[in-house]
């Protein structure tokens, strides 16, 4: 069979953290791998992941590493109780040393954090898109809501005009 035969369709869901775009100004994003247990992978493929309260910390005295905190991956229902994972355990993120060093430099500024944006599967491997973000103030959030409502009003007006 020739190389690159049939394309595989990705049936796994993409889990997004929509609240992050509302709560933070996103500077830039980075794709990293995530180290999961077997039951966590199966549960993630079913889409039972919540990234809403999650955050990423750079830890380690020697070579620093990225750790994902407060992300909830539900228990896999078909596994025995003895093989279940802790739903909110900290998970290791996999990235190159230079990328981690860049993130360390960027997060030393006050008000800057690293948040998970998306979790998805790419070529059978679990990937996480993380973003360097600055927290929004209350008035920024109000402006976001105002802009979103204005866009909806414009869209409604445009659909009425087409008819």
N, C-alpha and C. Protein backbone atom coordinates (compact mmCIF):
# COMPACT_ATOMS: atom_id res chain seq x y z
N UNK A 1 0.84 -1.18 0.00
CA UNK A 1 0.00 0.00 0.00
C UNK A 1 0.89 1.25 0.00
N UNK A 2 0.51 2.24 -0.72
CA UNK A 2 1.27 3.47 -0.83
C UNK A 2 1.27 4.24 0.49
N UNK A 3 2.32 5.04 0.67
CA UNK A 3 2.41 5.84 1.89
C UNK A 3 1.27 6.85 1.93
N UNK A 4 0.80 7.12 3.13
CA UNK A 4 -0.22 8.15 3.32
C UNK A 4 -1.56 7.76 2.77
N UNK A 5 -1.91 6.48 2.76
CA UNK A 5 -3.17 5.98 2.23
C UNK A 5 -4.38 6.76 2.72
N UNK A 6 -5.24 6.12 3.46
CA UNK A 6 -6.45 6.78 3.93
C UNK A 6 -6.14 7.63 5.16
N UNK A 7 -6.78 8.77 5.22
CA UNK A 7 -6.65 9.64 6.39
C UNK A 7 -7.56 9.11 7.48
N UNK A 8 -7.05 9.09 8.70
CA UNK A 8 -7.86 8.68 9.83
C UNK A 8 -8.64 9.89 10.32
N UNK A 9 -9.92 9.69 10.57
CA UNK A 9 -10.73 10.76 11.11
C UNK A 9 -10.63 10.73 12.61
N UNK A 10 -10.39 11.88 13.20
CA UNK A 10 -10.27 11.98 14.64
C UNK A 10 -11.66 12.04 15.25
N UNK A 11 -12.05 10.98 15.93
CA UNK A 11 -13.38 10.93 16.53
C UNK A 11 -13.37 11.38 17.98
N UNK A 12 -12.18 11.60 18.54
CA UNK A 12 -12.08 12.05 19.92
C UNK A 12 -12.51 13.50 20.02
N UNK A 13 -13.17 13.87 21.11
CA UNK A 13 -13.64 15.25 21.24
C UNK A 13 -12.50 16.21 21.55
N UNK A 14 -12.73 17.47 21.26
CA UNK A 14 -11.82 18.54 21.66
C UNK A 14 -12.46 19.24 22.84
N UNK A 15 -11.79 19.20 23.98
CA UNK A 15 -12.31 19.84 25.19
C UNK A 15 -11.72 21.23 25.27
N UNK A 16 -12.57 22.24 25.32
CA UNK A 16 -12.10 23.62 25.33
C UNK A 16 -12.42 24.30 26.65
N UNK A 17 -11.58 25.25 27.02
CA UNK A 17 -11.79 26.07 28.20
C UNK A 17 -12.28 27.43 27.72
N UNK A 18 -13.59 27.54 27.49
CA UNK A 18 -14.14 28.78 26.94
C UNK A 18 -14.09 29.91 27.94
N UNK A 19 -14.12 29.60 29.22
CA UNK A 19 -14.08 30.63 30.25
C UNK A 19 -12.74 31.36 30.28
N UNK A 20 -11.68 30.71 29.84
CA UNK A 20 -10.35 31.34 29.87
C UNK A 20 -10.30 32.57 28.98
N UNK A 21 -10.93 32.52 27.81
CA UNK A 21 -10.93 33.70 26.92
C UNK A 21 -11.71 34.86 27.52
N UNK A 22 -12.66 34.56 28.39
CA UNK A 22 -13.42 35.61 29.05
C UNK A 22 -12.65 36.20 30.23
N UNK A 23 -11.93 35.36 30.96
CA UNK A 23 -11.24 35.80 32.17
C UNK A 23 -9.84 36.35 31.93
N UNK A 24 -9.23 36.05 30.79
CA UNK A 24 -7.83 36.42 30.55
C UNK A 24 -7.63 37.05 29.18
N UNK A 25 -6.60 37.90 29.09
CA UNK A 25 -6.07 38.35 27.81
C UNK A 25 -5.02 37.32 27.41
N UNK A 26 -5.20 36.67 26.27
CA UNK A 26 -4.30 35.61 25.84
C UNK A 26 -3.15 36.22 25.05
N UNK A 27 -1.91 36.02 25.52
CA UNK A 27 -0.73 36.53 24.82
C UNK A 27 -0.33 35.60 23.69
N UNK A 28 0.01 34.35 24.00
CA UNK A 28 0.32 33.37 22.97
C UNK A 28 0.09 31.97 23.52
N UNK A 29 0.00 31.00 22.60
CA UNK A 29 -0.31 29.63 23.00
C UNK A 29 0.84 28.70 22.64
N UNK A 30 0.82 27.51 23.25
CA UNK A 30 1.85 26.51 23.04
C UNK A 30 1.21 25.14 23.17
N UNK A 31 1.57 24.23 22.27
CA UNK A 31 1.07 22.86 22.34
C UNK A 31 2.07 22.00 23.10
N UNK A 32 1.59 21.31 24.14
CA UNK A 32 2.44 20.43 24.93
C UNK A 32 1.77 19.07 25.05
N UNK A 33 2.58 18.07 25.34
CA UNK A 33 2.03 16.74 25.62
C UNK A 33 1.61 16.66 27.06
N UNK A 34 0.82 15.67 27.40
CA UNK A 34 0.37 15.48 28.77
C UNK A 34 0.50 14.01 29.13
N UNK A 35 1.05 13.74 30.29
CA UNK A 35 1.27 12.37 30.75
C UNK A 35 0.04 11.92 31.54
N UNK A 36 -0.70 10.95 30.98
CA UNK A 36 -1.93 10.47 31.59
C UNK A 36 -1.85 8.99 31.89
N UNK A 37 -2.67 8.55 32.84
CA UNK A 37 -2.82 7.13 33.11
C UNK A 37 -3.83 6.54 32.13
N UNK A 38 -3.90 5.21 32.07
CA UNK A 38 -4.78 4.55 31.11
C UNK A 38 -6.25 4.91 31.27
N UNK A 39 -6.74 4.93 32.52
CA UNK A 39 -8.15 5.26 32.73
C UNK A 39 -8.42 6.73 32.44
N UNK A 40 -7.41 7.59 32.62
CA UNK A 40 -7.58 9.01 32.30
C UNK A 40 -7.70 9.20 30.79
N UNK A 41 -6.93 8.46 30.03
CA UNK A 41 -6.99 8.55 28.56
C UNK A 41 -8.37 8.13 28.07
N UNK A 42 -8.86 7.01 28.60
CA UNK A 42 -10.17 6.51 28.17
C UNK A 42 -11.28 7.49 28.54
N UNK A 43 -11.19 8.08 29.72
CA UNK A 43 -12.19 9.06 30.13
C UNK A 43 -12.11 10.34 29.29
N UNK A 44 -10.89 10.75 28.94
CA UNK A 44 -10.70 11.94 28.10
C UNK A 44 -11.24 11.71 26.69
N UNK A 45 -11.08 10.49 26.17
CA UNK A 45 -11.62 10.18 24.85
C UNK A 45 -13.15 10.24 24.85
N UNK A 46 -13.77 10.03 26.01
CA UNK A 46 -15.22 10.16 26.12
C UNK A 46 -15.64 11.61 26.34
N UNK A 47 -14.67 12.51 26.53
CA UNK A 47 -14.97 13.93 26.70
C UNK A 47 -15.29 14.34 28.12
N UNK A 48 -14.95 13.53 29.09
CA UNK A 48 -15.29 13.81 30.49
C UNK A 48 -14.15 14.53 31.21
N UNK A 49 -13.81 15.71 30.69
CA UNK A 49 -12.73 16.52 31.24
C UNK A 49 -13.23 17.94 31.44
N UNK A 50 -12.84 18.56 32.55
CA UNK A 50 -13.17 19.96 32.81
C UNK A 50 -11.88 20.74 33.02
N UNK A 51 -11.62 21.70 32.14
CA UNK A 51 -10.41 22.52 32.22
C UNK A 51 -10.67 23.85 32.92
N UNK A 52 -11.89 24.08 33.36
CA UNK A 52 -12.30 25.40 33.82
C UNK A 52 -11.44 25.97 34.95
N UNK A 53 -11.18 25.20 35.99
CA UNK A 53 -10.42 25.71 37.14
C UNK A 53 -8.93 25.43 37.01
N UNK A 54 -8.50 24.88 35.92
CA UNK A 54 -7.11 24.44 35.78
C UNK A 54 -6.12 25.57 35.60
N UNK A 55 -4.89 25.29 36.01
CA UNK A 55 -3.78 26.21 35.81
C UNK A 55 -2.50 25.40 35.73
N UNK A 56 -1.44 26.02 35.20
CA UNK A 56 -0.16 25.35 35.01
C UNK A 56 0.88 26.07 35.86
N UNK A 57 1.72 25.28 36.53
CA UNK A 57 2.81 25.85 37.32
C UNK A 57 4.13 25.26 36.83
N UNK A 58 5.17 26.08 36.91
CA UNK A 58 6.52 25.61 36.61
C UNK A 58 7.15 25.27 37.95
N UNK A 59 7.54 24.01 38.13
CA UNK A 59 8.09 23.56 39.40
C UNK A 59 9.38 22.80 39.16
N UNK A 60 10.19 22.73 40.18
CA UNK A 60 11.41 21.94 40.12
C UNK A 60 12.62 22.78 40.45
N UNK A 61 13.45 22.25 41.35
CA UNK A 61 14.66 22.96 41.75
C UNK A 61 15.74 22.81 40.69
N UNK A 62 15.91 21.59 40.18
CA UNK A 62 16.92 21.36 39.14
C UNK A 62 16.37 21.83 37.81
N UNK A 63 16.20 20.92 36.87
CA UNK A 63 15.55 21.32 35.62
C UNK A 63 14.06 21.53 35.87
N UNK A 64 13.54 22.70 35.53
CA UNK A 64 12.11 22.95 35.80
C UNK A 64 11.22 22.11 34.89
N UNK A 65 10.03 21.83 35.38
CA UNK A 65 9.05 21.08 34.60
C UNK A 65 7.68 21.72 34.78
N UNK A 66 6.78 21.44 33.85
CA UNK A 66 5.43 22.00 33.87
C UNK A 66 4.48 21.00 34.51
N UNK A 67 3.63 21.47 35.41
CA UNK A 67 2.65 20.62 36.08
C UNK A 67 1.27 21.25 35.94
N UNK A 68 0.31 20.43 35.60
CA UNK A 68 -1.08 20.85 35.42
C UNK A 68 -1.84 20.57 36.72
N UNK A 69 -2.48 21.61 37.26
CA UNK A 69 -3.20 21.50 38.52
C UNK A 69 -4.69 21.73 38.32
N UNK A 70 -5.51 21.12 39.17
CA UNK A 70 -6.95 21.37 39.30
C UNK A 70 -7.77 21.08 38.04
N UNK A 71 -7.30 20.22 37.18
CA UNK A 71 -8.09 19.80 36.03
C UNK A 71 -8.79 18.51 36.42
N UNK A 72 -10.10 18.47 36.21
CA UNK A 72 -10.90 17.32 36.61
C UNK A 72 -11.11 16.39 35.43
N UNK A 73 -10.60 15.16 35.56
CA UNK A 73 -10.86 14.10 34.58
C UNK A 73 -11.67 13.05 35.31
N UNK A 74 -12.90 12.85 34.89
CA UNK A 74 -13.82 11.95 35.58
C UNK A 74 -13.29 10.52 35.56
N UNK A 75 -13.75 9.73 36.53
CA UNK A 75 -13.37 8.32 36.57
C UNK A 75 -13.94 7.60 35.37
N UNK A 76 -13.22 6.60 34.90
CA UNK A 76 -13.67 5.79 33.78
C UNK A 76 -14.64 4.75 34.32
N UNK A 77 -15.85 4.74 33.81
CA UNK A 77 -16.92 3.93 34.40
C UNK A 77 -16.73 2.42 34.22
N UNK A 78 -16.01 2.00 33.19
CA UNK A 78 -15.87 0.57 32.92
C UNK A 78 -14.67 -0.07 33.61
N UNK A 79 -13.90 0.70 34.36
CA UNK A 79 -12.73 0.15 35.04
C UNK A 79 -13.09 -0.23 36.48
N UNK A 80 -12.38 -1.21 37.01
CA UNK A 80 -12.58 -1.62 38.40
C UNK A 80 -12.13 -0.52 39.34
N UNK A 81 -12.68 -0.49 40.53
CA UNK A 81 -12.38 0.56 41.51
C UNK A 81 -10.88 0.59 41.86
N UNK A 82 -10.23 -0.56 41.84
CA UNK A 82 -8.81 -0.64 42.19
C UNK A 82 -7.93 0.07 41.15
N UNK A 83 -8.39 0.20 39.92
CA UNK A 83 -7.58 0.79 38.86
C UNK A 83 -7.94 2.25 38.57
N UNK A 84 -8.88 2.83 39.33
CA UNK A 84 -9.30 4.20 39.08
C UNK A 84 -8.20 5.20 39.47
N UNK A 85 -8.22 6.34 38.84
CA UNK A 85 -7.27 7.40 39.12
C UNK A 85 -7.90 8.46 40.02
N UNK A 86 -7.07 9.29 40.63
CA UNK A 86 -7.54 10.43 41.40
C UNK A 86 -7.99 11.49 40.38
N UNK A 87 -9.20 12.00 40.51
CA UNK A 87 -9.77 12.84 39.46
C UNK A 87 -9.09 14.20 39.29
N UNK A 88 -8.51 14.76 40.35
CA UNK A 88 -7.90 16.09 40.23
C UNK A 88 -6.41 16.08 40.58
N UNK A 89 -5.74 15.00 40.30
CA UNK A 89 -4.31 14.93 40.62
C UNK A 89 -3.51 15.87 39.71
N UNK A 90 -2.30 16.22 40.14
CA UNK A 90 -1.45 17.03 39.29
C UNK A 90 -0.83 16.13 38.22
N UNK A 91 -0.73 16.67 37.01
CA UNK A 91 -0.26 15.88 35.87
C UNK A 91 0.93 16.57 35.22
N UNK A 92 1.89 15.78 34.81
CA UNK A 92 3.10 16.29 34.18
C UNK A 92 2.81 16.67 32.73
N UNK A 93 3.30 17.85 32.34
CA UNK A 93 3.20 18.29 30.95
C UNK A 93 4.57 18.13 30.29
N UNK A 94 4.57 17.76 29.02
CA UNK A 94 5.80 17.46 28.31
C UNK A 94 6.10 18.56 27.29
N UNK A 95 7.24 19.22 27.47
CA UNK A 95 7.65 20.29 26.56
C UNK A 95 9.17 20.32 26.50
N UNK A 96 9.70 21.01 25.50
CA UNK A 96 11.15 21.16 25.36
C UNK A 96 11.69 22.09 26.44
N UNK A 97 12.95 21.92 26.79
CA UNK A 97 13.58 22.73 27.84
C UNK A 97 13.54 24.21 27.51
N UNK A 98 13.79 24.54 26.24
CA UNK A 98 13.80 25.96 25.86
C UNK A 98 12.40 26.57 25.96
N UNK A 99 11.37 25.79 25.68
CA UNK A 99 10.00 26.29 25.82
C UNK A 99 9.66 26.52 27.29
N UNK A 100 10.09 25.61 28.15
CA UNK A 100 9.85 25.77 29.59
C UNK A 100 10.60 26.99 30.11
N UNK A 101 11.84 27.17 29.67
CA UNK A 101 12.63 28.34 30.10
C UNK A 101 11.95 29.64 29.67
N UNK A 102 11.39 29.66 28.47
CA UNK A 102 10.67 30.84 27.98
C UNK A 102 9.45 31.12 28.85
N UNK A 103 8.71 30.07 29.21
CA UNK A 103 7.54 30.23 30.06
C UNK A 103 7.92 30.73 31.45
N UNK A 104 9.04 30.27 31.98
CA UNK A 104 9.52 30.73 33.29
C UNK A 104 9.77 32.23 33.24
N UNK A 105 10.44 32.70 32.20
CA UNK A 105 10.72 34.13 32.06
C UNK A 105 9.44 34.95 31.96
N UNK A 106 8.47 34.45 31.21
CA UNK A 106 7.24 35.21 31.00
C UNK A 106 6.34 35.25 32.22
N UNK A 107 6.37 34.20 33.05
CA UNK A 107 5.47 34.16 34.21
C UNK A 107 6.04 34.86 35.43
N UNK A 108 7.26 35.37 35.35
CA UNK A 108 7.80 36.10 36.49
C UNK A 108 7.23 37.51 36.57
N UNK A 109 6.54 37.95 35.55
CA UNK A 109 5.86 39.25 35.57
C UNK A 109 4.58 39.10 36.38
N UNK A 110 4.27 40.10 37.18
CA UNK A 110 3.09 40.04 38.02
C UNK A 110 1.81 40.05 37.17
N UNK A 111 0.86 39.19 37.52
CA UNK A 111 -0.41 39.14 36.82
C UNK A 111 -0.42 38.21 35.63
N UNK A 112 0.69 37.54 35.34
CA UNK A 112 0.78 36.63 34.20
C UNK A 112 0.72 35.20 34.71
N UNK A 113 -0.07 34.38 34.06
CA UNK A 113 -0.21 32.99 34.44
C UNK A 113 -0.29 32.11 33.20
N UNK A 114 -0.24 30.82 33.41
CA UNK A 114 -0.38 29.87 32.31
C UNK A 114 -1.66 29.09 32.53
N UNK A 115 -2.55 29.11 31.54
CA UNK A 115 -3.84 28.43 31.67
C UNK A 115 -4.01 27.41 30.54
N UNK A 116 -4.70 26.30 30.83
CA UNK A 116 -4.99 25.34 29.77
C UNK A 116 -6.15 25.85 28.91
N UNK A 117 -5.99 25.75 27.59
CA UNK A 117 -7.02 26.24 26.68
C UNK A 117 -7.81 25.09 26.04
N UNK A 118 -7.12 24.05 25.57
CA UNK A 118 -7.76 22.94 24.86
C UNK A 118 -7.05 21.64 25.19
N UNK A 119 -7.83 20.56 25.19
CA UNK A 119 -7.26 19.22 25.27
C UNK A 119 -7.81 18.44 24.10
N UNK A 120 -6.92 17.75 23.38
CA UNK A 120 -7.33 17.00 22.20
C UNK A 120 -6.34 15.88 21.96
N UNK A 121 -6.66 15.01 21.02
CA UNK A 121 -5.79 13.91 20.65
C UNK A 121 -5.26 14.15 19.25
N UNK A 122 -3.95 13.98 19.09
CA UNK A 122 -3.29 14.20 17.81
C UNK A 122 -2.41 12.99 17.55
N UNK A 123 -2.70 12.26 16.48
CA UNK A 123 -1.97 11.04 16.14
C UNK A 123 -1.98 10.04 17.30
N UNK A 124 -3.08 9.98 18.02
CA UNK A 124 -3.24 9.03 19.11
C UNK A 124 -2.65 9.48 20.44
N UNK A 125 -2.02 10.65 20.49
CA UNK A 125 -1.41 11.16 21.71
C UNK A 125 -2.23 12.31 22.28
N UNK A 126 -2.32 12.36 23.60
CA UNK A 126 -3.06 13.44 24.26
C UNK A 126 -2.21 14.71 24.22
N UNK A 127 -2.81 15.79 23.76
CA UNK A 127 -2.13 17.08 23.68
C UNK A 127 -2.94 18.11 24.44
N UNK A 128 -2.23 19.11 24.95
CA UNK A 128 -2.88 20.20 25.68
C UNK A 128 -2.35 21.50 25.12
N UNK A 129 -3.25 22.40 24.79
CA UNK A 129 -2.84 23.73 24.34
C UNK A 129 -2.89 24.64 25.56
N UNK A 130 -1.73 25.21 25.92
CA UNK A 130 -1.67 26.12 27.05
C UNK A 130 -1.41 27.53 26.54
N UNK A 131 -1.78 28.51 27.35
CA UNK A 131 -1.61 29.90 26.93
C UNK A 131 -1.02 30.72 28.06
N UNK A 132 -0.13 31.64 27.69
CA UNK A 132 0.37 32.63 28.63
C UNK A 132 -0.66 33.74 28.62
N UNK A 133 -1.20 34.05 29.81
CA UNK A 133 -2.34 34.96 29.87
C UNK A 133 -2.19 35.96 31.01
N UNK A 134 -2.80 37.13 30.81
CA UNK A 134 -2.87 38.16 31.84
C UNK A 134 -4.33 38.27 32.27
N UNK A 135 -4.58 38.36 33.56
CA UNK A 135 -5.93 38.44 34.07
C UNK A 135 -6.63 39.72 33.66
N UNK A 136 -7.92 39.61 33.35
CA UNK A 136 -8.71 40.79 32.99
C UNK A 136 -9.29 41.42 34.26
N UNK A 137 -9.45 42.71 34.21
CA UNK A 137 -10.14 43.43 35.27
C UNK A 137 -11.64 43.36 35.01
N UNK A 138 -12.44 43.80 35.98
CA UNK A 138 -13.90 43.72 35.85
C UNK A 138 -14.40 44.54 34.66
N UNK A 139 -13.83 45.73 34.44
CA UNK A 139 -14.30 46.56 33.33
C UNK A 139 -13.95 45.94 31.98
N UNK A 140 -12.83 45.20 31.92
CA UNK A 140 -12.48 44.49 30.68
C UNK A 140 -13.52 43.42 30.37
N UNK A 141 -14.00 42.74 31.40
CA UNK A 141 -15.00 41.69 31.20
C UNK A 141 -16.31 42.31 30.73
N UNK A 142 -16.65 43.48 31.28
CA UNK A 142 -17.87 44.16 30.83
C UNK A 142 -17.75 44.56 29.37
N UNK A 143 -16.58 45.04 28.96
CA UNK A 143 -16.36 45.40 27.56
C UNK A 143 -16.47 44.19 26.65
N UNK A 144 -15.99 43.04 27.11
CA UNK A 144 -16.09 41.81 26.34
C UNK A 144 -17.55 41.44 26.12
N UNK A 145 -18.36 41.55 27.17
CA UNK A 145 -19.79 41.24 27.06
C UNK A 145 -20.47 42.23 26.12
N UNK A 146 -20.12 43.50 26.24
CA UNK A 146 -20.71 44.54 25.39
C UNK A 146 -20.38 44.30 23.92
N UNK A 147 -19.13 43.96 23.63
CA UNK A 147 -18.72 43.68 22.25
C UNK A 147 -19.43 42.45 21.70
N UNK A 148 -19.58 41.43 22.51
CA UNK A 148 -20.24 40.20 22.07
C UNK A 148 -21.71 40.47 21.75
N UNK A 149 -22.38 41.26 22.60
CA UNK A 149 -23.78 41.59 22.34
C UNK A 149 -23.94 42.46 21.10
N UNK A 150 -22.99 43.37 20.87
CA UNK A 150 -23.04 44.21 19.66
C UNK A 150 -22.86 43.35 18.41
N UNK A 151 -21.96 42.39 18.47
CA UNK A 151 -21.76 41.48 17.33
C UNK A 151 -23.01 40.67 17.04
N UNK A 152 -23.69 40.22 18.09
CA UNK A 152 -24.93 39.46 17.91
C UNK A 152 -26.02 40.32 17.28
N UNK A 153 -26.10 41.58 17.71
CA UNK A 153 -27.11 42.49 17.15
C UNK A 153 -26.84 42.75 15.67
N UNK A 154 -25.58 42.93 15.32
CA UNK A 154 -25.22 43.14 13.92
C UNK A 154 -25.55 41.91 13.10
N UNK A 155 -25.25 40.73 13.64
CA UNK A 155 -25.54 39.48 12.94
C UNK A 155 -27.04 39.31 12.72
N UNK A 156 -27.85 39.64 13.74
CA UNK A 156 -29.31 39.56 13.60
C UNK A 156 -29.81 40.52 12.53
N UNK A 157 -29.26 41.73 12.52
CA UNK A 157 -29.68 42.71 11.53
C UNK A 157 -29.31 42.27 10.12
N UNK A 158 -28.16 41.66 9.97
CA UNK A 158 -27.71 41.18 8.65
C UNK A 158 -28.60 40.03 8.15
N UNK A 159 -29.02 39.13 9.04
CA UNK A 159 -29.87 38.01 8.60
C UNK A 159 -31.25 38.52 8.21
N UNK A 160 -31.75 39.52 8.90
CA UNK A 160 -33.05 40.10 8.52
C UNK A 160 -32.97 40.79 7.17
N UNK A 161 -31.85 41.41 6.89
CA UNK A 161 -31.69 42.16 5.65
C UNK A 161 -31.60 41.20 4.44
N UNK A 162 -31.05 40.01 4.62
CA UNK A 162 -30.90 39.06 3.52
C UNK A 162 -32.25 38.53 3.05
N UNK A 163 -33.20 38.45 3.91
CA UNK A 163 -34.51 37.90 3.57
C UNK A 163 -35.29 38.86 2.78
